[in-house]
Structure formats: C-alpha cells, structure tokens
C-alpha cells in the first residue's frame, strides 16, 4: 500500500464506510434482526440511504471543496428530500 497517498486512503476508507452502511441497511430492511417495527425499519433504511447519498455527493463528486452555494444547495436538497420521505412514511391518513 505504499503507492497510495492520503487522498486515496481516505477514499478507500470512505468506500469501506459505504459498504458497511449498505450491509446495515440490508440487514435492517430484509433480515430485521435489530428493529422489528416496519415503519422504524423503513425510516432507518431511508436515513442510511441519504447518509450514503451525502457521502457520495460530498466526496466522490468533490462537492466538499466546491463553491459554498453549490454545497449548500446539495446539502439542502438531501435534507429536504430525506425529511419528506420520512414524513410520508410516518404519515397516517
């Protein structure tokens, strides 16, 4: 691994985190060992999906070091859509 620089190691670590989030999301959505309430499972999967989306947008699309307006717009987009989906999940007509 001597050929990897600090940025490469950071992205490799981030990839590991994304893989771990995927495994936890799969487990909570399909195997339901931790949480047995359907809406809580759905909420957990939605939150994990948006955490992954945020990490991908910020690090793999290099928005972390982009113009503040672009970063603010994308962070706001993530927060609004995550809140809207969780609101729809827990909405009881």
C-alpha atoms as a PDB file:
ATOM      1  CA  UNK A   1       0.000   0.000   0.000  1.00  0.00           C
ATOM      2  CA  UNK A   2       2.989   2.304  -0.167  1.00  0.00           C
ATOM      3  CA  UNK A   3       1.763   3.616  -3.535  1.00  0.00           C
ATOM      4  CA  UNK A   4      -1.391   5.129  -2.036  1.00  0.00           C
ATOM      5  CA  UNK A   5      -1.396   8.733  -0.983  1.00  0.00           C
ATOM      6  CA  UNK A   6      -3.513  10.246   1.793  1.00  0.00           C
ATOM      7  CA  UNK A   7      -6.405  11.110  -0.528  1.00  0.00           C
ATOM      8  CA  UNK A   8      -6.525   7.555  -1.873  1.00  0.00           C
ATOM      9  CA  UNK A   9      -6.556   6.135   1.643  1.00  0.00           C
ATOM     10  CA  UNK A  10      -9.380   8.490   2.603  1.00  0.00           C
ATOM     11  CA  UNK A  11     -11.470   7.385  -0.363  1.00  0.00           C
ATOM     12  CA  UNK A  12     -10.706   3.746   0.385  1.00  0.00           C
ATOM     13  CA  UNK A  13     -11.852   4.250   3.977  1.00  0.00           C
ATOM     14  CA  UNK A  14     -14.950   6.040   2.749  1.00  0.00           C
ATOM     15  CA  UNK A  15     -15.688   3.144   0.419  1.00  0.00           C
ATOM     16  CA  UNK A  16     -15.481   0.822   3.429  1.00  0.00           C
ATOM     17  CA  UNK A  17     -17.941   3.027   5.329  1.00  0.00           C
ATOM     18  CA  UNK A  18     -20.332   2.964   2.360  1.00  0.00           C
ATOM     19  CA  UNK A  19     -20.051  -0.814   2.222  1.00  0.00           C
ATOM     20  CA  UNK A  20     -20.779  -1.063   5.943  1.00  0.00           C
ATOM     21  CA  UNK A  21     -23.822   1.218   5.606  1.00  0.00           C
ATOM     22  CA  UNK A  22     -25.060  -0.966   2.745  1.00  0.00           C
ATOM     23  CA  UNK A  23     -24.761  -4.107   4.863  1.00  0.00           C
ATOM     24  CA  UNK A  24     -26.532  -2.468   7.826  1.00  0.00           C
ATOM     25  CA  UNK A  25     -29.259  -1.154   5.528  1.00  0.00           C
ATOM     26  CA  UNK A  26     -29.777  -4.592   4.008  1.00  0.00           C
ATOM     27  CA  UNK A  27     -29.896  -6.189   7.429  1.00  0.00           C
ATOM     28  CA  UNK A  28     -32.371  -3.707   8.850  1.00  0.00           C
ATOM     29  CA  UNK A  29     -34.550  -3.810   5.753  1.00  0.00           C
ATOM     30  CA  UNK A  30     -34.663  -7.509   4.990  1.00  0.00           C
ATOM     31  CA  UNK A  31     -33.409  -9.541   7.920  1.00  0.00           C
ATOM     32  CA  UNK A  32     -34.911  -7.303  10.644  1.00  0.00           C
ATOM     33  CA  UNK A  33     -32.756  -8.615  13.461  1.00  0.00           C
ATOM     34  CA  UNK A  34     -32.393  -5.228  15.205  1.00  0.00           C
ATOM     35  CA  UNK A  35     -35.711  -3.490  14.627  1.00  0.00           C
ATOM     36  CA  UNK A  36     -38.999  -5.308  14.218  1.00  0.00           C
ATOM     37  CA  UNK A  37     -41.344  -2.366  13.636  1.00  0.00           C
ATOM     38  CA  UNK A  38     -41.963  -1.827   9.922  1.00  0.00           C
ATOM     39  CA  UNK A  39     -42.015   1.956   9.912  1.00  0.00           C
ATOM     40  CA  UNK A  40     -38.894   2.192  12.039  1.00  0.00           C
ATOM     41  CA  UNK A  41     -37.159  -0.183   9.647  1.00  0.00           C
ATOM     42  CA  UNK A  42     -38.244   1.951   6.713  1.00  0.00           C
ATOM     43  CA  UNK A  43     -37.090   5.124   8.448  1.00  0.00           C
ATOM     44  CA  UNK A  44     -33.711   3.583   9.224  1.00  0.00           C
ATOM     45  CA  UNK A  45     -33.233   2.493   5.616  1.00  0.00           C
ATOM     46  CA  UNK A  46     -34.224   5.947   4.310  1.00  0.00           C
ATOM     47  CA  UNK A  47     -31.829   7.721   6.672  1.00  0.00           C
ATOM     48  CA  UNK A  48     -28.994   5.353   5.771  1.00  0.00           C
ATOM     49  CA  UNK A  49     -29.689   5.893   2.066  1.00  0.00           C
ATOM     50  CA  UNK A  50     -29.438   9.654   2.455  1.00  0.00           C
ATOM     51  CA  UNK A  51     -26.290   9.375   4.564  1.00  0.00           C
ATOM     52  CA  UNK A  52     -24.778   7.367   1.710  1.00  0.00           C
ATOM     53  CA  UNK A  53     -26.013   9.907  -0.842  1.00  0.00           C
ATOM     54  CA  UNK A  54     -24.437  12.741   1.161  1.00  0.00           C
ATOM     55  CA  UNK A  55     -21.096  10.946   1.416  1.00  0.00           C
ATOM     56  CA  UNK A  56     -21.079  10.183  -2.307  1.00  0.00           C
ATOM     57  CA  UNK A  57     -22.040  13.729  -3.280  1.00  0.00           C
ATOM     58  CA  UNK A  58     -19.513  15.368  -0.969  1.00  0.00           C
ATOM     59  CA  UNK A  59     -16.537  13.090  -1.519  1.00  0.00           C
ATOM     60  CA  UNK A  60     -16.829  11.207  -4.791  1.00  0.00           C
ATOM     61  CA  UNK A  61     -18.323  14.156  -6.669  1.00  0.00           C
ATOM     62  CA  UNK A  62     -15.868  16.567  -4.954  1.00  0.00           C
ATOM     63  CA  UNK A  63     -18.583  18.900  -3.709  1.00  0.00           C
ATOM     64  CA  UNK A  64     -16.887  19.110  -0.305  1.00  0.00           C
ATOM     65  CA  UNK A  65     -14.423  21.619  -1.788  1.00  0.00           C
ATOM     66  CA  UNK A  66     -16.812  23.227  -4.290  1.00  0.00           C
ATOM     67  CA  UNK A  67     -18.368  26.668  -4.107  1.00  0.00           C
ATOM     68  CA  UNK A  68     -20.323  27.185  -0.874  1.00  0.00           C
ATOM     69  CA  UNK A  69     -23.538  27.888  -2.788  1.00  0.00           C
ATOM     70  CA  UNK A  70     -23.375  24.536  -4.590  1.00  0.00           C
ATOM     71  CA  UNK A  71     -22.610  22.660  -1.399  1.00  0.00           C
ATOM     72  CA  UNK A  72     -25.443  24.429   0.442  1.00  0.00           C
ATOM     73  CA  UNK A  73     -27.886  23.644  -2.377  1.00  0.00           C
ATOM     74  CA  UNK A  74     -26.996  19.948  -2.402  1.00  0.00           C
ATOM     75  CA  UNK A  75     -26.991  19.628   1.386  1.00  0.00           C
ATOM     76  CA  UNK A  76     -30.402  21.322   1.490  1.00  0.00           C
ATOM     77  CA  UNK A  77     -31.694  19.022  -1.259  1.00  0.00           C
ATOM     78  CA  UNK A  78     -30.604  15.972   0.737  1.00  0.00           C
ATOM     79  CA  UNK A  79     -32.143  17.212   3.991  1.00  0.00           C
ATOM     80  CA  UNK A  80     -35.470  18.245   2.420  1.00  0.00           C
ATOM     81  CA  UNK A  81     -35.932  15.018   0.488  1.00  0.00           C
ATOM     82  CA  UNK A  82     -34.954  12.843   3.439  1.00  0.00           C
ATOM     83  CA  UNK A  83     -37.393  14.693   5.713  1.00  0.00           C
ATOM     84  CA  UNK A  84     -40.143  14.492   3.087  1.00  0.00           C
ATOM     85  CA  UNK A  85     -39.750  10.737   2.631  1.00  0.00           C
ATOM     86  CA  UNK A  86     -39.689  10.100   6.371  1.00  0.00           C
ATOM     87  CA  UNK A  87     -42.739  12.327   6.757  1.00  0.00           C
ATOM     88  CA  UNK A  88     -44.572  10.342   4.092  1.00  0.00           C
ATOM     89  CA  UNK A  89     -43.540   7.098   5.762  1.00  0.00           C
ATOM     90  CA  UNK A  90     -44.932   8.088   9.137  1.00  0.00           C
ATOM     91  CA  UNK A  91     -47.994   9.948   7.814  1.00  0.00           C
ATOM     92  CA  UNK A  92     -51.168   8.175   8.884  1.00  0.00           C
ATOM     93  CA  UNK A  93     -54.286   9.201   6.957  1.00  0.00           C
END
